[in-house]
PDB file of N, CA and C in Angstrom:
ATOM      1  N   MET A   1       0.835  -1.168   0.000  1.00  0.00           N
ATOM      2  CA  MET A   1       0.000   0.000   0.000  1.00  0.00           C
ATOM      3  C   MET A   1       0.887   1.242   0.000  1.00  0.00           C
ATOM      4  N   LEU A   2       0.497   2.229  -0.721  1.00  0.00           N
ATOM      5  CA  LEU A   2       1.244   3.464  -0.828  1.00  0.00           C
ATOM      6  C   LEU A   2       0.708   4.485   0.168  1.00  0.00           C
ATOM      7  N   TYR A   3       1.603   5.032   0.972  1.00  0.00           N
ATOM      8  CA  TYR A   3       1.208   6.047   1.931  1.00  0.00           C
ATOM      9  C   TYR A   3       1.640   7.406   1.407  1.00  0.00           C
ATOM     10  N   LYS A   4       0.681   8.291   1.237  1.00  0.00           N
ATOM     11  CA  LYS A   4       0.994   9.640   0.782  1.00  0.00           C
ATOM     12  C   LYS A   4       1.170  10.546   1.986  1.00  0.00           C
ATOM     13  N   PHE A   5       1.985  11.540   1.798  1.00  0.00           N
ATOM     14  CA  PHE A   5       2.186  12.540   2.833  1.00  0.00           C
ATOM     15  C   PHE A   5       1.213  13.664   2.542  1.00  0.00           C
ATOM     16  N   PRO A   6       0.168  13.847   3.371  1.00  0.00           N
ATOM     17  CA  PRO A   6      -0.899  14.806   3.047  1.00  0.00           C
ATOM     18  C   PRO A   6      -0.414  16.256   3.037  1.00  0.00           C
ATOM     19  N   LYS A   7      -1.045  17.061   2.212  1.00  0.00           N
ATOM     20  CA  LYS A   7      -0.681  18.473   2.076  1.00  0.00           C
ATOM     21  C   LYS A   7      -0.836  19.247   3.371  1.00  0.00           C
ATOM     22  N   GLU A   8      -1.830  18.889   4.159  1.00  0.00           N
ATOM     23  CA  GLU A   8      -2.047  19.637   5.400  1.00  0.00           C
ATOM     24  C   GLU A   8      -0.942  19.401   6.434  1.00  0.00           C
ATOM     25  N   LYS A   9      -0.055  18.446   6.183  1.00  0.00           N
ATOM     26  CA  LYS A   9       1.082  18.174   7.066  1.00  0.00           C
ATOM     27  C   LYS A   9       2.368  18.836   6.567  1.00  0.00           C
ATOM     28  N   LYS A  10       2.297  19.601   5.465  1.00  0.00           N
ATOM     29  CA  LYS A  10       3.482  20.202   4.858  1.00  0.00           C
ATOM     30  C   LYS A  10       3.462  21.719   4.989  1.00  0.00           C
ATOM     31  N   LEU A  11       4.641  22.286   5.141  1.00  0.00           N
ATOM     32  CA  LEU A  11       4.814  23.723   4.962  1.00  0.00           C
ATOM     33  C   LEU A  11       5.077  23.906   3.479  1.00  0.00           C
ATOM     34  N   LEU A  12       4.260  24.686   2.803  1.00  0.00           N
ATOM     35  CA  LEU A  12       4.351  24.771   1.353  1.00  0.00           C
ATOM     36  C   LEU A  12       4.851  26.123   0.849  1.00  0.00           C
ATOM     37  N   LYS A  13       4.537  27.175   1.540  1.00  0.00           N
ATOM     38  CA  LYS A  13       4.833  28.511   1.026  1.00  0.00           C
ATOM     39  C   LYS A  13       6.110  29.049   1.647  1.00  0.00           C
ATOM     40  N   SER A  14       6.810  29.870   0.886  1.00  0.00           N
ATOM     41  CA  SER A  14       8.078  30.405   1.359  1.00  0.00           C
ATOM     42  C   SER A  14       7.898  31.280   2.596  1.00  0.00           C
ATOM     43  N   ARG A  15       6.774  31.953   2.717  1.00  0.00           N
ATOM     44  CA  ARG A  15       6.561  32.793   3.901  1.00  0.00           C
ATOM     45  C   ARG A  15       6.369  31.936   5.151  1.00  0.00           C
ATOM     46  N   GLU A  16       5.816  30.732   4.997  1.00  0.00           N
ATOM     47  CA  GLU A  16       5.693  29.817   6.137  1.00  0.00           C
ATOM     48  C   GLU A  16       7.077  29.357   6.597  1.00  0.00           C
ATOM     49  N   PHE A  17       7.926  29.013   5.630  1.00  0.00           N
ATOM     50  CA  PHE A  17       9.300  28.622   5.951  1.00  0.00           C
ATOM     51  C   PHE A  17      10.024  29.782   6.636  1.00  0.00           C
ATOM     52  N   LYS A  18       9.911  30.973   6.040  1.00  0.00           N
ATOM     53  CA  LYS A  18      10.602  32.148   6.555  1.00  0.00           C
ATOM     54  C   LYS A  18      10.153  32.475   7.969  1.00  0.00           C
ATOM     55  N   ASN A  19       8.877  32.357   8.236  1.00  0.00           N
ATOM     56  CA  ASN A  19       8.333  32.617   9.564  1.00  0.00           C
ATOM     57  C   ASN A  19       8.962  31.691  10.605  1.00  0.00           C
ATOM     58  N   VAL A  20       9.061  30.408  10.289  1.00  0.00           N
ATOM     59  CA  VAL A  20       9.641  29.439  11.226  1.00  0.00           C
ATOM     60  C   VAL A  20      11.149  29.671  11.366  1.00  0.00           C
ATOM     61  N   LEU A  21      11.832  29.907  10.251  1.00  0.00           N
ATOM     62  CA  LEU A  21      13.279  30.103  10.302  1.00  0.00           C
ATOM     63  C   LEU A  21      13.657  31.382  11.042  1.00  0.00           C
ATOM     64  N   ASP A  22      12.858  32.430  10.899  1.00  0.00           N
ATOM     65  CA  ASP A  22      13.186  33.705  11.536  1.00  0.00           C
ATOM     66  C   ASP A  22      12.869  33.744  13.026  1.00  0.00           C
ATOM     67  N   SER A  23      11.756  33.140  13.417  1.00  0.00           N
ATOM     68  CA  SER A  23      11.333  33.293  14.809  1.00  0.00           C
ATOM     69  C   SER A  23      11.196  31.971  15.565  1.00  0.00           C
ATOM     70  N   GLY A  24      11.632  30.872  14.965  1.00  0.00           N
ATOM     71  CA  GLY A  24      11.509  29.585  15.630  1.00  0.00           C
ATOM     72  C   GLY A  24      12.726  29.230  16.454  1.00  0.00           C
ATOM     73  N   ALA A  25      12.574  28.244  17.324  1.00  0.00           N
ATOM     74  CA  ALA A  25      13.673  27.727  18.126  1.00  0.00           C
ATOM     75  C   ALA A  25      14.531  26.817  17.254  1.00  0.00           C
ATOM     76  N   LYS A  26      15.836  26.845  17.467  1.00  0.00           N
ATOM     77  CA  LYS A  26      16.779  26.105  16.635  1.00  0.00           C
ATOM     78  C   LYS A  26      17.441  25.012  17.467  1.00  0.00           C
ATOM     79  N   PHE A  27      17.517  23.811  16.887  1.00  0.00           N
ATOM     80  CA  PHE A  27      18.201  22.691  17.531  1.00  0.00           C
ATOM     81  C   PHE A  27      19.129  22.056  16.508  1.00  0.00           C
ATOM     82  N   ILE A  28      20.410  21.926  16.844  1.00  0.00           N
ATOM     83  CA  ILE A  28      21.410  21.448  15.884  1.00  0.00           C
ATOM     84  C   ILE A  28      21.883  20.058  16.267  1.00  0.00           C
ATOM     85  N   LEU A  29      21.895  19.181  15.284  1.00  0.00           N
ATOM     86  CA  LEU A  29      22.425  17.824  15.392  1.00  0.00           C
ATOM     87  C   LEU A  29      23.428  17.608  14.269  1.00  0.00           C
ATOM     88  N   PRO A  30      24.239  16.575  14.336  1.00  0.00           N
ATOM     89  CA  PRO A  30      25.191  16.336  13.239  1.00  0.00           C
ATOM     90  C   PRO A  30      24.514  16.092  11.885  1.00  0.00           C
ATOM     91  N   GLU A  31      23.331  15.462  11.897  1.00  0.00           N
ATOM     92  CA  GLU A  31      22.637  15.135  10.654  1.00  0.00           C
ATOM     93  C   GLU A  31      21.633  16.196  10.229  1.00  0.00           C
ATOM     94  N   LEU A  32      21.082  16.940  11.194  1.00  0.00           N
ATOM     95  CA  LEU A  32      19.964  17.843  10.922  1.00  0.00           C
ATOM     96  C   LEU A  32      20.079  19.130  11.725  1.00  0.00           C
ATOM     97  N   ILE A  33      19.463  20.150  11.196  1.00  0.00           N
ATOM     98  CA  ILE A  33      19.170  21.349  11.963  1.00  0.00           C
ATOM     99  C   ILE A  33      17.652  21.454  11.957  1.00  0.00           C
ATOM    100  N   ILE A  34      17.063  21.596  13.136  1.00  0.00           N
ATOM    101  CA  ILE A  34      15.611  21.634  13.242  1.00  0.00           C
ATOM    102  C   ILE A  34      15.190  22.980  13.813  1.00  0.00           C
ATOM    103  N   PHE A  35      14.318  23.657  13.095  1.00  0.00           N
ATOM    104  CA  PHE A  35      13.697  24.892  13.564  1.00  0.00           C
ATOM    105  C   PHE A  35      12.253  24.555  13.907  1.00  0.00           C
ATOM    106  N   SER A  36      11.768  25.080  15.015  1.00  0.00           N
ATOM    107  CA  SER A  36      10.388  24.780  15.414  1.00  0.00           C
ATOM    108  C   SER A  36       9.717  26.023  15.955  1.00  0.00           C
ATOM    109  N   LYS A  37       8.431  26.077  15.720  1.00  0.00           N
ATOM    110  CA  LYS A  37       7.623  27.188  16.202  1.00  0.00           C
ATOM    111  C   LYS A  37       6.220  26.653  16.486  1.00  0.00           C
ATOM    112  N   PRO A  38       5.623  27.042  17.609  1.00  0.00           N
ATOM    113  CA  PRO A  38       4.244  26.605  17.880  1.00  0.00           C
ATOM    114  C   PRO A  38       3.295  27.092  16.793  1.00  0.00           C
ATOM    115  N   SER A  39       2.307  26.262  16.511  1.00  0.00           N
ATOM    116  CA  SER A  39       1.357  26.547  15.444  1.00  0.00           C
ATOM    117  C   SER A  39      -0.040  26.735  16.017  1.00  0.00           C
ATOM    118  N   ASP A  40      -0.854  27.479  15.307  1.00  0.00           N
ATOM    119  CA  ASP A  40      -2.250  27.665  15.702  1.00  0.00           C
ATOM    120  C   ASP A  40      -3.144  26.550  15.175  1.00  0.00           C
ATOM    121  N   LEU A  41      -2.587  25.698  14.336  1.00  0.00           N
ATOM    122  CA  LEU A  41      -3.368  24.610  13.751  1.00  0.00           C
ATOM    123  C   LEU A  41      -3.504  23.457  14.739  1.00  0.00           C
ATOM    124  N   GLU A  42      -4.281  22.459  14.356  1.00  0.00           N
ATOM    125  CA  GLU A  42      -4.512  21.328  15.238  1.00  0.00           C
ATOM    126  C   GLU A  42      -3.393  20.305  15.205  1.00  0.00           C
ATOM    127  N   SER A  43      -2.653  20.234  14.098  1.00  0.00           N
ATOM    128  CA  SER A  43      -1.603  19.230  13.990  1.00  0.00           C
ATOM    129  C   SER A  43      -0.289  19.878  13.556  1.00  0.00           C
ATOM    130  N   SER A  44       0.766  19.100  13.648  1.00  0.00           N
ATOM    131  CA  SER A  44       2.087  19.583  13.263  1.00  0.00           C
ATOM    132  C   SER A  44       2.258  19.536  11.751  1.00  0.00           C
ATOM    133  N   ARG A  45       3.108  20.440  11.264  1.00  0.00           N
ATOM    134  CA  ARG A  45       3.464  20.446   9.843  1.00  0.00           C
ATOM    135  C   ARG A  45       4.981  20.471   9.740  1.00  0.00           C
ATOM    136  N   MET A  46       5.485  19.979   8.617  1.00  0.00           N
ATOM    137  CA  MET A  46       6.926  19.981   8.433  1.00  0.00           C
ATOM    138  C   MET A  46       7.307  20.527   7.075  1.00  0.00           C
ATOM    139  N   GLY A  47       8.502  21.073   7.019  1.00  0.00           N
ATOM    140  CA  GLY A  47       9.087  21.532   5.775  1.00  0.00           C
ATOM    141  C   GLY A  47      10.506  21.003   5.699  1.00  0.00           C
ATOM    142  N   LEU A  48      10.974  20.751   4.500  1.00  0.00           N
ATOM    143  CA  LEU A  48      12.314  20.193   4.299  1.00  0.00           C
ATOM    144  C   LEU A  48      13.165  21.120   3.455  1.00  0.00           C
ATOM    145  N   ILE A  49      14.411  21.263   3.857  1.00  0.00           N
ATOM    146  CA  ILE A  49      15.390  21.981   3.056  1.00  0.00           C
ATOM    147  C   ILE A  49      16.583  21.059   2.903  1.00  0.00           C
ATOM    148  N   VAL A  50      16.834  20.638   1.665  1.00  0.00           N
ATOM    149  CA  VAL A  50      17.989  19.801   1.364  1.00  0.00           C
ATOM    150  C   VAL A  50      18.692  20.453   0.187  1.00  0.00           C
ATOM    151  N   THR A  51      19.831  21.078   0.447  1.00  0.00           N
ATOM    152  CA  THR A  51      20.513  21.850  -0.581  1.00  0.00           C
ATOM    153  C   THR A  51      21.405  20.973  -1.452  1.00  0.00           C
ATOM    154  N   LYS A  52      21.898  21.563  -2.525  1.00  0.00           N
ATOM    155  CA  LYS A  52      22.783  20.844  -3.438  1.00  0.00           C
ATOM    156  C   LYS A  52      24.120  20.506  -2.804  1.00  0.00           C
ATOM    157  N   LYS A  53      24.467  21.162  -1.714  1.00  0.00           N
ATOM    158  CA  LYS A  53      25.705  20.835  -0.998  1.00  0.00           C
ATOM    159  C   LYS A  53      25.670  19.407  -0.472  1.00  0.00           C
ATOM    160  N   VAL A  54      24.468  18.915  -0.182  1.00  0.00           N
ATOM    161  CA  VAL A  54      24.310  17.581   0.394  1.00  0.00           C
ATOM    162  C   VAL A  54      24.584  16.495  -0.644  1.00  0.00           C
ATOM    163  N   GLY A  55      24.181  16.707  -1.884  1.00  0.00           N
ATOM    164  CA  GLY A  55      24.409  15.710  -2.912  1.00  0.00           C
ATOM    165  C   GLY A  55      23.560  15.977  -4.135  1.00  0.00           C
ATOM    166  N   ASN A  56      23.609  15.026  -5.050  1.00  0.00           N
ATOM    167  CA  ASN A  56      22.826  15.181  -6.274  1.00  0.00           C
ATOM    168  C   ASN A  56      21.342  14.919  -5.999  1.00  0.00           C
ATOM    169  N   ALA A  57      20.531  14.998  -7.030  1.00  0.00           N
ATOM    170  CA  ALA A  57      19.073  14.904  -6.873  1.00  0.00           C
ATOM    171  C   ALA A  57      18.645  13.564  -6.269  1.00  0.00           C
ATOM    172  N   VAL A  58      19.297  12.493  -6.645  1.00  0.00           N
ATOM    173  CA  VAL A  58      18.938  11.174  -6.131  1.00  0.00           C
ATOM    174  C   VAL A  58      19.146  11.123  -4.615  1.00  0.00           C
ATOM    175  N   ILE A  59      20.270  11.627  -4.158  1.00  0.00           N
ATOM    176  CA  ILE A  59      20.584  11.627  -2.728  1.00  0.00           C
ATOM    177  C   ILE A  59      19.640  12.562  -1.970  1.00  0.00           C
ATOM    178  N   ARG A  60      19.411  13.739  -2.528  1.00  0.00           N
ATOM    179  CA  ARG A  60      18.513  14.695  -1.865  1.00  0.00           C
ATOM    180  C   ARG A  60      17.106  14.115  -1.721  1.00  0.00           C
ATOM    181  N   ASN A  61      16.600  13.486  -2.754  1.00  0.00           N
ATOM    182  CA  ASN A  61      15.266  12.890  -2.692  1.00  0.00           C
ATOM    183  C   ASN A  61      15.196  11.735  -1.701  1.00  0.00           C
ATOM    184  N   LYS A  62      16.274  10.962  -1.597  1.00  0.00           N
ATOM    185  CA  LYS A  62      16.323   9.857  -0.633  1.00  0.00           C
ATOM    186  C   LYS A  62      16.235  10.399   0.795  1.00  0.00           C
ATOM    187  N   ILE A  63      16.968  11.460   1.069  1.00  0.00           N
ATOM    188  CA  ILE A  63      16.931  12.068   2.396  1.00  0.00           C
ATOM    189  C   ILE A  63      15.534  12.612   2.686  1.00  0.00           C
ATOM    190  N   LYS A  64      14.922  13.262   1.709  1.00  0.00           N
ATOM    191  CA  LYS A  64      13.567  13.803   1.898  1.00  0.00           C
ATOM    192  C   LYS A  64      12.569  12.690   2.192  1.00  0.00           C
ATOM    193  N   ARG A  65      12.651  11.593   1.455  1.00  0.00           N
ATOM    194  CA  ARG A  65      11.735  10.465   1.686  1.00  0.00           C
ATOM    195  C   ARG A  65      11.900   9.923   3.104  1.00  0.00           C
ATOM    196  N   ARG A  66      13.153   9.770   3.533  1.00  0.00           N
ATOM    197  CA  ARG A  66      13.401   9.246   4.871  1.00  0.00           C
ATOM    198  C   ARG A  66      12.865  10.183   5.953  1.00  0.00           C
ATOM    199  N   LEU A  67      13.107  11.471   5.798  1.00  0.00           N
ATOM    200  CA  LEU A  67      12.652  12.422   6.811  1.00  0.00           C
ATOM    201  C   LEU A  67      11.132  12.518   6.863  1.00  0.00           C
ATOM    202  N   ARG A  68      10.482  12.451   5.712  1.00  0.00           N
ATOM    203  CA  ARG A  68       9.014  12.455   5.702  1.00  0.00           C
ATOM    204  C   ARG A  68       8.472  11.231   6.434  1.00  0.00           C
ATOM    205  N   GLU A  69       9.090  10.095   6.205  1.00  0.00           N
ATOM    206  CA  GLU A  69       8.634   8.866   6.844  1.00  0.00           C
ATOM    207  C   GLU A  69       8.888   8.907   8.349  1.00  0.00           C
ATOM    208  N   VAL A  70      10.017   9.436   8.757  1.00  0.00           N
ATOM    209  CA  VAL A  70      10.301   9.579  10.187  1.00  0.00           C
ATOM    210  C   VAL A  70       9.237  10.463  10.837  1.00  0.00           C
ATOM    211  N   PHE A  71       8.915  11.584  10.208  1.00  0.00           N
ATOM    212  CA  PHE A  71       7.895  12.488  10.732  1.00  0.00           C
ATOM    213  C   PHE A  71       6.536  11.794  10.790  1.00  0.00           C
ATOM    214  N   ARG A  72       6.197  11.045   9.772  1.00  0.00           N
ATOM    215  CA  ARG A  72       4.900  10.385   9.700  1.00  0.00           C
ATOM    216  C   ARG A  72       4.745   9.319  10.791  1.00  0.00           C
ATOM    217  N   LEU A  73       5.814   8.570  11.051  1.00  0.00           N
ATOM    218  CA  LEU A  73       5.720   7.453  11.987  1.00  0.00           C
ATOM    219  C   LEU A  73       5.980   7.832  13.441  1.00  0.00           C
ATOM    220  N   CYS A  74       6.738   8.873  13.684  1.00  0.00           N
ATOM    221  CA  CYS A  74       7.131   9.228  15.053  1.00  0.00           C
ATOM    222  C   CYS A  74       6.270  10.350  15.602  1.00  0.00           C
ATOM    223  N   LYS A  75       4.981  10.167  15.666  1.00  0.00           N
ATOM    224  CA  LYS A  75       4.090  11.235  16.110  1.00  0.00           C
ATOM    225  C   LYS A  75       3.764  11.154  17.587  1.00  0.00           C
ATOM    226  N   THR A  76       3.967  10.018  18.212  1.00  0.00           N
ATOM    227  CA  THR A  76       3.609   9.902  19.618  1.00  0.00           C
ATOM    228  C   THR A  76       4.856   9.757  20.474  1.00  0.00           C
ATOM    229  N   PHE A  77       4.768  10.252  21.691  1.00  0.00           N
ATOM    230  CA  PHE A  77       5.856  10.168  22.650  1.00  0.00           C
ATOM    231  C   PHE A  77       5.300   9.691  23.980  1.00  0.00           C
ATOM    232  N   ASP A  78       6.165   9.572  24.959  1.00  0.00           N
ATOM    233  CA  ASP A  78       5.732   9.148  26.289  1.00  0.00           C
ATOM    234  C   ASP A  78       4.727  10.132  26.877  1.00  0.00           C
ATOM    235  N   GLU A  79       4.893  11.413  26.546  1.00  0.00           N
ATOM    236  CA  GLU A  79       4.012  12.433  27.092  1.00  0.00           C
ATOM    237  C   GLU A  79       2.667  12.490  26.374  1.00  0.00           C
ATOM    238  N   GLY A  80       2.503  11.837  25.267  1.00  0.00           N
ATOM    239  CA  GLY A  80       1.251  11.880  24.525  1.00  0.00           C
ATOM    240  C   GLY A  80       1.488  12.283  23.078  1.00  0.00           C
ATOM    241  N   GLU A  81       0.459  12.832  22.461  1.00  0.00           N
ATOM    242  CA  GLU A  81       0.548  13.231  21.051  1.00  0.00           C
ATOM    243  C   GLU A  81       1.510  14.393  20.846  1.00  0.00           C
ATOM    244  N   LEU A  82       2.026  14.468  19.657  1.00  0.00           N
ATOM    245  CA  LEU A  82       2.904  15.567  19.268  1.00  0.00           C
ATOM    246  C   LEU A  82       2.106  16.865  19.269  1.00  0.00           C
ATOM    247  N   PRO A  83       2.583  17.890  19.959  1.00  0.00           N
ATOM    248  CA  PRO A  83       1.848  19.168  19.965  1.00  0.00           C
ATOM    249  C   PRO A  83       1.897  19.832  18.599  1.00  0.00           C
ATOM    250  N   ALA A  84       1.058  20.815  18.415  1.00  0.00           N
ATOM    251  CA  ALA A  84       0.980  21.513  17.127  1.00  0.00           C
ATOM    252  C   ALA A  84       2.213  22.403  16.962  1.00  0.00           C
ATOM    253  N   LEU A  85       3.120  21.955  16.106  1.00  0.00           N
ATOM    254  CA  LEU A  85       4.353  22.685  15.823  1.00  0.00           C
ATOM    255  C   LEU A  85       4.536  22.788  14.321  1.00  0.00           C
ATOM    256  N   ASP A  86       5.150  23.882  13.893  1.00  0.00           N
ATOM    257  CA  ASP A  86       5.656  23.965  12.526  1.00  0.00           C
ATOM    258  C   ASP A  86       7.141  23.667  12.611  1.00  0.00           C
ATOM    259  N   LEU A  87       7.578  22.647  11.879  1.00  0.00           N
ATOM    260  CA  LEU A  87       8.968  22.200  11.926  1.00  0.00           C
ATOM    261  C   LEU A  87       9.615  22.365  10.560  1.00  0.00           C
ATOM    262  N   VAL A  88      10.857  22.847  10.553  1.00  0.00           N
ATOM    263  CA  VAL A  88      11.637  22.904   9.326  1.00  0.00           C
ATOM    264  C   VAL A  88      12.920  22.119   9.576  1.00  0.00           C
ATOM    265  N   PHE A  89      13.149  21.117   8.736  1.00  0.00           N
ATOM    266  CA  PHE A  89      14.354  20.303   8.817  1.00  0.00           C
ATOM    267  C   PHE A  89      15.325  20.751   7.743  1.00  0.00           C
ATOM    268  N   ILE A  90      16.555  21.024   8.131  1.00  0.00           N
ATOM    269  CA  ILE A  90      17.612  21.308   7.170  1.00  0.00           C
ATOM    270  C   ILE A  90      18.592  20.157   7.253  1.00  0.00           C
ATOM    271  N   ALA A  91      18.720  19.414   6.164  1.00  0.00           N
ATOM    272  CA  ALA A  91      19.613  18.265   6.140  1.00  0.00           C
ATOM    273  C   ALA A  91      21.056  18.737   6.027  1.00  0.00           C
ATOM    274  N   ARG A  92      21.938  18.083   6.773  1.00  0.00           N
ATOM    275  CA  ARG A  92      23.364  18.380   6.715  1.00  0.00           C
ATOM    276  C   ARG A  92      24.079  17.232   6.007  1.00  0.00           C
ATOM    277  N   GLN A  93      25.348  17.396   5.769  1.00  0.00           N
ATOM    278  CA  GLN A  93      26.123  16.422   5.001  1.00  0.00           C
ATOM    279  C   GLN A  93      26.102  15.029   5.634  1.00  0.00           C
ATOM    280  N   LYS A  94      26.096  14.945   6.963  1.00  0.00           N
ATOM    281  CA  LYS A  94      26.100  13.631   7.627  1.00  0.00           C
ATOM    282  C   LYS A  94      24.794  12.870   7.438  1.00  0.00           C
ATOM    283  N   ALA A  95      23.749  13.535   6.998  1.00  0.00           N
ATOM    284  CA  ALA A  95      22.480  12.849   6.746  1.00  0.00           C
ATOM    285  C   ALA A  95      22.606  11.870   5.591  1.00  0.00           C
ATOM    286  N   VAL A  96      23.564  12.100   4.711  1.00  0.00           N
ATOM    287  CA  VAL A  96      23.762  11.221   3.555  1.00  0.00           C
ATOM    288  C   VAL A  96      24.184   9.832   4.012  1.00  0.00           C
ATOM    289  N   THR A  97      25.101   9.764   4.960  1.00  0.00           N
ATOM    290  CA  THR A  97      25.629   8.471   5.397  1.00  0.00           C
ATOM    291  C   THR A  97      24.872   7.897   6.594  1.00  0.00           C
ATOM    292  N   ALA A  98      23.972   8.682   7.174  1.00  0.00           N
ATOM    293  CA  ALA A  98      23.224   8.208   8.341  1.00  0.00           C
ATOM    294  C   ALA A  98      22.190   7.161   7.930  1.00  0.00           C
ATOM    295  N   SER A  99      22.048   6.150   8.754  1.00  0.00           N
ATOM    296  CA  SER A  99      21.033   5.130   8.494  1.00  0.00           C
ATOM    297  C   SER A  99      19.658   5.677   8.859  1.00  0.00           C
ATOM    298  N   TYR A 100      18.635   4.957   8.437  1.00  0.00           N
ATOM    299  CA  TYR A 100      17.269   5.351   8.766  1.00  0.00           C
ATOM    300  C   TYR A 100      17.071   5.355  10.280  1.00  0.00           C
ATOM    301  N   GLU A 101      17.642   4.373  10.963  1.00  0.00           N
ATOM    302  CA  GLU A 101      17.520   4.288  12.409  1.00  0.00           C
ATOM    303  C   GLU A 101      18.192   5.475  13.094  1.00  0.00           C
ATOM    304  N   LYS A 102      19.338   5.905  12.578  1.00  0.00           N
ATOM    305  CA  LYS A 102      20.043   7.053  13.144  1.00  0.00           C
ATOM    306  C   LYS A 102      19.227   8.334  12.946  1.00  0.00           C
ATOM    307  N   LEU A 103      18.635   8.504  11.765  1.00  0.00           N
ATOM    308  CA  LEU A 103      17.779   9.668  11.529  1.00  0.00           C
ATOM    309  C   LEU A 103      16.577   9.660  12.468  1.00  0.00           C
ATOM    310  N   THR A 104      16.006   8.491  12.682  1.00  0.00           N
ATOM    311  CA  THR A 104      14.867   8.372  13.584  1.00  0.00           C
ATOM    312  C   THR A 104      15.248   8.739  15.007  1.00  0.00           C
ATOM    313  N   SER A 105      16.364   8.204  15.485  1.00  0.00           N
ATOM    314  CA  SER A 105      16.775   8.500  16.862  1.00  0.00           C
ATOM    315  C   SER A 105      17.161   9.973  17.016  1.00  0.00           C
ATOM    316  N   SER A 106      17.808  10.561  16.023  1.00  0.00           N
ATOM    317  CA  SER A 106      18.157  11.983  16.072  1.00  0.00           C
ATOM    318  C   SER A 106      16.902  12.839  16.097  1.00  0.00           C
ATOM    319  N   TYR A 107      15.924  12.492  15.267  1.00  0.00           N
ATOM    320  CA  TYR A 107      14.664  13.226  15.213  1.00  0.00           C
ATOM    321  C   TYR A 107      13.954  13.178  16.566  1.00  0.00           C
ATOM    322  N   GLU A 108      13.839  11.987  17.136  1.00  0.00           N
ATOM    323  CA  GLU A 108      13.146  11.840  18.413  1.00  0.00           C
ATOM    324  C   GLU A 108      13.867  12.598  19.526  1.00  0.00           C
ATOM    325  N   PHE A 109      15.198  12.510  19.541  1.00  0.00           N
ATOM    326  CA  PHE A 109      15.991  13.221  20.545  1.00  0.00           C
ATOM    327  C   PHE A 109      15.773  14.727  20.433  1.00  0.00           C
ATOM    328  N   ALA A 110      15.859  15.245  19.227  1.00  0.00           N
ATOM    329  CA  ALA A 110      15.698  16.683  19.012  1.00  0.00           C
ATOM    330  C   ALA A 110      14.286  17.139  19.342  1.00  0.00           C
ATOM    331  N   LEU A 111      13.300  16.353  18.955  1.00  0.00           N
ATOM    332  CA  LEU A 111      11.917  16.755  19.175  1.00  0.00           C
ATOM    333  C   LEU A 111      11.565  16.793  20.661  1.00  0.00           C
ATOM    334  N   LYS A 112      12.106  15.875  21.440  1.00  0.00           N
ATOM    335  CA  LYS A 112      11.865  15.912  22.881  1.00  0.00           C
ATOM    336  C   LYS A 112      12.419  17.201  23.483  1.00  0.00           C
ATOM    337  N   HIS A 113      13.601  17.607  23.034  1.00  0.00           N
ATOM    338  CA  HIS A 113      14.185  18.845  23.536  1.00  0.00           C
ATOM    339  C   HIS A 113      13.413  20.074  23.063  1.00  0.00           C
ATOM    340  N   VAL A 114      12.952  20.033  21.831  1.00  0.00           N
ATOM    341  CA  VAL A 114      12.182  21.152  21.284  1.00  0.00           C
ATOM    342  C   VAL A 114      10.860  21.302  22.041  1.00  0.00           C
ATOM    343  N   ILE A 115      10.178  20.209  22.295  1.00  0.00           N
ATOM    344  CA  ILE A 115       8.916  20.247  23.029  1.00  0.00           C
ATOM    345  C   ILE A 115       9.146  20.766  24.440  1.00  0.00           C
ATOM    346  N   ARG A 116      10.204  20.294  25.072  1.00  0.00           N
ATOM    347  CA  ARG A 116      10.526  20.756  26.419  1.00  0.00           C
ATOM    348  C   ARG A 116      10.817  22.256  26.415  1.00  0.00           C
ATOM    349  N   ARG A 117      11.559  22.735  25.417  1.00  0.00           N
ATOM    350  CA  ARG A 117      11.896  24.151  25.321  1.00  0.00           C
ATOM    351  C   ARG A 117      10.642  25.003  25.143  1.00  0.00           C
ATOM    352  N   HIS A 118       9.728  24.556  24.279  1.00  0.00           N
ATOM    353  CA  HIS A 118       8.501  25.325  24.046  1.00  0.00           C
ATOM    354  C   HIS A 118       7.566  25.277  25.253  1.00  0.00           C
ATOM    355  N   SER A 119       7.552  24.165  25.973  1.00  0.00           N
ATOM    356  CA  SER A 119       6.675  24.089  27.135  1.00  0.00           C
ATOM    357  C   SER A 119       7.192  24.975  28.269  1.00  0.00           C
ATOM    358  N   LYS A 120       8.496  25.193  28.344  1.00  0.00           N
ATOM    359  CA  LYS A 120       9.056  26.094  29.354  1.00  0.00           C
ATOM    360  C   LYS A 120       8.655  27.545  29.089  1.00  0.00           C
ATOM    361  N   THR A 121       8.554  27.897  27.819  1.00  0.00           N
ATOM    362  CA  THR A 121       8.188  29.276  27.477  1.00  0.00           C
ATOM    363  C   THR A 121       6.664  29.457  27.420  1.00  0.00           C
ATOM    364  N   LYS A 122       5.931  28.379  27.730  1.00  0.00           N
ATOM    365  CA  LYS A 122       4.468  28.416  27.785  1.00  0.00           C
ATOM    366  C   LYS A 122       3.819  28.763  26.462  1.00  0.00           C
ATOM    367  N   LYS A 123       4.470  28.414  25.357  1.00  0.00           N
ATOM    368  CA  LYS A 123       3.887  28.707  24.052  1.00  0.00           C
ATOM    369  C   LYS A 123       3.069  27.546  23.525  1.00  0.00           C
ATOM    370  N   LEU A 124       3.144  26.391  24.200  1.00  0.00           N
ATOM    371  CA  LEU A 124       2.354  25.246  23.736  1.00  0.00           C
ATOM    372  C   LEU A 124       1.130  25.054  24.570  1.00  0.00           C
TER     373      LEU A 124
END
């Protein structure tokens, strides 16, 4: 069965990306840089930035597919459902050699810290 990534889960417009990048919280990992900002919507949305520095089109698309799948599958945590956040992932060079499991663990680690950071500022 083919699972599509629904449009309502994506950041599509450049102003949405710019809003998150300019005023969102930043978390840096060797494979990813994650920007996050609380959203007024009911669910989280994600945007991907994978530049040509990372690799050719085949490699960039592979990284995008993996990150979309990680986001789709890792929606629940010990604390409950993922809060409404707008997330922007910027892939770094180490994402090319990282396994799917490493991307998943990095994503979960970063997201726990991001949620904790936003809950401290009472924005969630």
